[in-house]
Amino acid sequence: MNHSFDVAAAPGHLIRRAHQISVAVFHTHLAAADVTPVQFAILNALMDSPGVDQITLANRVAFDPATSGSVIGRLESKGWVERRADKVDRRRKLLVLTSEGQSALSGMLTAVAAVQADILSPLSAPEQVQFMHLLGLLVARHEAA
């Protein structure tokens, strides 16, 4: 009698596999841009909220502030992001996209849209809507708990 756990059918395993697939599809479409999904999320958030501090930015992209610091450092070294001292509190650093960062981000947007379509492509249109709805509920309800 087999009492082993069926890892392949476990939600955690399937979510991890879906994440691996998502990252692989992202890298396939954006290899030339030399950007990671987290770097893209940070660039995109900075486009929407220029002059935000690192902790607020990390919260917006659901990433821990310590690790986001190293990601921001890589974006700075590419010339896409710069830190500026807050005029009120000079110790506080605010983040902004450079013009090069804005240009790089603009060049990525079409490819990122294609990534989203490719990730969902094995599902029919109604399944895609249902999947996104349920995935949104799952995340929102865990975040609210």
Protein backbone atom coordinates (compact mmCIF):
# COMPACT_ATOMS: atom_id res chain seq x y z
CA MET A 1 0.00 0.00 0.00
CA ASN A 2 1.50 3.30 -1.13
CA HIS A 3 1.06 6.25 1.24
CA SER A 4 3.45 8.67 -0.42
CA PHE A 5 2.46 12.24 -1.09
CA ASP A 6 1.64 13.05 -4.73
CA VAL A 7 3.92 16.04 -5.22
CA ALA A 8 2.98 16.41 -8.88
CA ALA A 9 -0.64 17.14 -7.90
CA ALA A 10 0.18 19.49 -5.01
CA PRO A 11 -0.80 23.17 -5.43
CA GLY A 12 2.63 24.34 -4.24
CA HIS A 13 4.40 22.17 -6.82
CA LEU A 14 2.11 23.28 -9.64
CA ILE A 15 2.53 26.95 -8.70
CA ARG A 16 6.32 26.49 -8.63
CA ARG A 17 6.24 24.81 -12.06
CA ALA A 18 3.99 27.58 -13.42
CA HIS A 19 6.48 30.13 -12.09
CA GLN A 20 9.37 28.31 -13.77
CA ILE A 21 7.45 28.28 -17.05
CA SER A 22 6.60 31.97 -16.64
CA VAL A 23 10.25 32.93 -16.08
CA ALA A 24 11.41 30.79 -19.01
CA VAL A 25 8.86 32.39 -21.35
CA PHE A 26 9.90 35.85 -20.08
CA HIS A 27 13.57 35.14 -20.79
CA THR A 28 12.78 33.75 -24.25
CA HIS A 29 11.00 36.97 -25.25
CA LEU A 30 13.34 39.41 -23.47
CA ALA A 31 16.77 37.80 -23.88
CA ALA A 32 18.01 40.75 -25.94
CA ALA A 33 16.83 43.25 -23.31
CA ASP A 34 19.05 41.65 -20.62
CA VAL A 35 16.38 42.11 -17.95
CA THR A 36 14.80 39.82 -15.35
CA PRO A 37 11.09 39.75 -14.43
CA VAL A 38 11.86 41.48 -11.10
CA GLN A 39 13.95 44.17 -12.83
CA PHE A 40 11.09 44.76 -15.26
CA ALA A 41 8.58 45.01 -12.39
CA ILE A 42 10.78 47.61 -10.67
CA LEU A 43 11.25 49.64 -13.87
CA ASN A 44 7.51 49.52 -14.54
CA ALA A 45 6.68 50.58 -10.97
CA LEU A 46 9.15 53.48 -11.21
CA MET A 47 7.51 54.64 -14.43
CA ASP A 48 4.19 54.81 -12.56
CA SER A 49 5.65 56.31 -9.35
CA PRO A 50 8.80 58.32 -10.00
CA GLY A 51 10.64 59.48 -6.90
CA VAL A 52 9.50 56.64 -4.65
CA ASP A 53 11.74 55.31 -1.88
CA GLN A 54 13.19 51.79 -1.98
CA ILE A 55 10.96 50.30 0.75
CA THR A 56 7.76 51.62 -0.82
CA LEU A 57 8.92 50.38 -4.22
CA ALA A 58 9.72 46.92 -2.84
CA ASN A 59 6.23 46.72 -1.35
CA ARG A 60 4.65 47.74 -4.67
CA VAL A 61 6.35 44.88 -6.52
CA ALA A 62 5.90 42.41 -3.62
CA PHE A 63 9.65 41.94 -3.16
CA ASP A 64 11.69 42.14 0.04
CA PRO A 65 13.51 45.49 0.47
CA ALA A 66 16.93 43.93 1.14
CA THR A 67 16.96 41.92 -2.09
CA SER A 68 15.41 44.74 -4.07
CA GLY A 69 18.45 46.85 -3.12
CA SER A 70 20.75 44.59 -5.11
CA VAL A 71 18.32 44.56 -8.05
CA ILE A 72 18.18 48.36 -7.97
CA GLY A 73 22.00 48.40 -7.86
CA ARG A 74 22.12 46.35 -11.08
CA LEU A 75 19.61 48.71 -12.71
CA GLU A 76 21.76 51.66 -11.61
CA SER A 77 24.86 50.08 -13.14
CA LYS A 78 22.97 49.74 -16.44
CA GLY A 79 22.20 53.46 -16.25
CA TRP A 80 18.43 52.83 -16.07
CA VAL A 81 17.76 54.01 -12.49
CA GLU A 82 19.29 56.66 -10.28
CA ARG A 83 18.99 57.42 -6.59
CA ARG A 84 18.41 61.02 -5.57
CA ALA A 85 18.49 62.50 -2.10
CA ASP A 86 15.09 63.53 -0.72
CA LYS A 87 14.94 67.33 -0.46
CA VAL A 88 13.30 67.05 3.00
CA ASP A 89 15.42 64.21 4.44
CA ARG A 90 18.81 64.05 2.68
CA ARG A 91 19.47 60.56 4.13
CA ARG A 92 16.41 59.17 2.32
CA LYS A 93 17.08 58.11 -1.26
CA LEU A 94 14.38 58.39 -3.90
CA LEU A 95 14.45 56.35 -7.08
CA VAL A 96 13.77 57.58 -10.60
CA LEU A 97 14.08 56.14 -14.07
CA THR A 98 16.73 57.78 -16.21
CA SER A 99 15.88 58.65 -19.80
CA GLU A 100 17.82 55.48 -20.78
CA GLY A 101 15.67 53.49 -18.35
CA GLN A 102 12.47 54.94 -19.80
CA SER A 103 13.66 54.09 -23.30
CA ALA A 104 14.64 50.55 -22.29
CA LEU A 105 11.29 50.01 -20.58
CA SER A 106 9.37 51.31 -23.59
CA GLY A 107 11.25 48.83 -25.76
CA MET A 108 10.24 45.95 -23.48
CA LEU A 109 6.48 46.56 -23.27
CA THR A 110 5.46 44.78 -26.48
CA ALA A 111 7.58 41.75 -25.59
CA VAL A 112 6.15 41.65 -22.04
CA ALA A 113 2.62 41.67 -23.47
CA ALA A 114 3.62 38.72 -25.68
CA VAL A 115 4.99 36.93 -22.61
CA GLN A 116 1.62 37.21 -20.88
CA ALA A 117 -0.19 35.87 -23.94
CA ASP A 118 2.28 32.97 -24.30
CA ILE A 119 1.99 32.00 -20.64
CA LEU A 120 -1.77 31.65 -20.98
CA SER A 121 -1.78 30.28 -24.56
CA PRO A 122 -2.39 26.62 -23.62
CA LEU A 123 -5.77 27.69 -22.18
CA SER A 124 -8.88 28.64 -24.14
CA ALA A 125 -10.11 32.23 -23.84
CA PRO A 126 -12.77 31.34 -21.22
CA GLU A 127 -10.22 29.22 -19.31
CA GLN A 128 -7.78 32.17 -19.32
CA VAL A 129 -10.44 34.43 -17.80
CA GLN A 130 -11.32 31.80 -15.18
CA PHE A 131 -7.67 31.06 -14.38
CA MET A 132 -6.80 34.75 -13.94
CA HIS A 133 -9.88 35.28 -11.79
CA LEU A 134 -9.05 32.34 -9.51
CA LEU A 135 -5.35 33.21 -9.36
CA GLY A 136 -6.24 36.80 -8.43
CA LEU A 137 -8.56 35.54 -5.68
CA LEU A 138 -5.92 33.19 -4.34
CA VAL A 139 -3.31 35.93 -4.09
CA ALA A 140 -5.69 38.59 -2.74
CA ARG A 141 -7.12 36.33 -0.06
CA HIS A 142 -3.69 35.18 1.11
CA GLU A 143 -2.52 38.79 1.23
CA ALA A 144 -5.62 39.78 3.25
CA ALA A 145 -5.10 36.96 5.78
